[in-house]
Amino acid sequence: MPALQHILVLVDLDEPTGNVPHTAAAMSRRQEATLHLLLVIDSERHTRPAETIPDDELSGLTQAGTAVLQTLADQLTRQYSIACSVRCRVGRVSDQLVAEADQAGADLIVTGVYGSPDSRSLSLDTEAYKVIKTAGCPVLTVPVHRVWDPFGRVLFPVRPVSGAVEKYEYARTIIRQNDAELTLLALHAPGEVISIDLLHEVVDALDSQLRSDGVSSHTLFYPTDEIPETILEKADELRSDLLIITATLYTSPDDFLAGSFTQQMVYNARIPVLFIRPQDAGPVV
């Protein structure tokens, strides 16, 4: 896959440090991509139920938001030597972010996550999850507490199912542009001989591609029945700064009881997570 050409980042004016736009800008510089800054005025935050924003108030909010975005775009352009565009939309955050990604031809959506129990943070993290479910391109969630640049240690979980090579095909440009070290975390149920054999086939195919691309990598085989927990624990243990997963439907009863795999990654990961949906994947839950 060629380098990313258009990266769309959701700007949250209540996130004062601006770490998410700076992380996206650093990626845009490495990828030589255009960065699109989007501010969404969430009408539900400015009105009571069954009310709408008056036209004059809406116009004022939009103009003020666009001016703030343009100032940020000018700063990022100077600091990172990238091209920036700005856009302000009104509506539900997830809906407007996905719509703008389609209109801008985005190859990647970047959005902040908060991992905090307060109501606003939970609402924003829920919107991030909705974007992953509906976006036509991969989504990178970025914890807001710091700038993530570069991604030097990438954790790449694989299971004995299809899609691992396809996931790498998309992630290849990010991994190579960061000159990252890749850890293949090969996960399998304890004692399942057939699944272990299939997993070795997947890992062998990836190893071959990684050697061809000159990517530094190593593989950890790990038996577990607790997939989300194991991935998050290993990310901490290995001091990873990027986690790349396939956002698909996990169908074991335990997954539904504990909350979906994708949701757990959104709410609990303490590092950026790149969510990739295979073209033939079923719904994300």
Foldseek 3Di string as FASTA:
>chain_A
DAFWAEEEEEDDVVLPVRQQVLLVLLSCLLRVYEYEYEYEAAQPVVDPPPDGDDPVVVVVVQVVVQVVVVVVQVVSCVVRVHHYHYDYYYHDPLVVQQVVCVVVVGQEYEYEAELDPDPVRVSRLVSLLSNLQDHPHKYKYFHSPHHCPDFAEEEEEDWLDPDSVVLCVSCVNNCVSRLHEYEYEYEDAPPDPVRVVSSVVVVVVVVVVCVVVVRHYDYDYDHDPDVLVVSQVVCVVVVGQEYEDEQAFDDDPVCVVVDHSSSCCSNPHPHMYIYGYDPPGDGGD
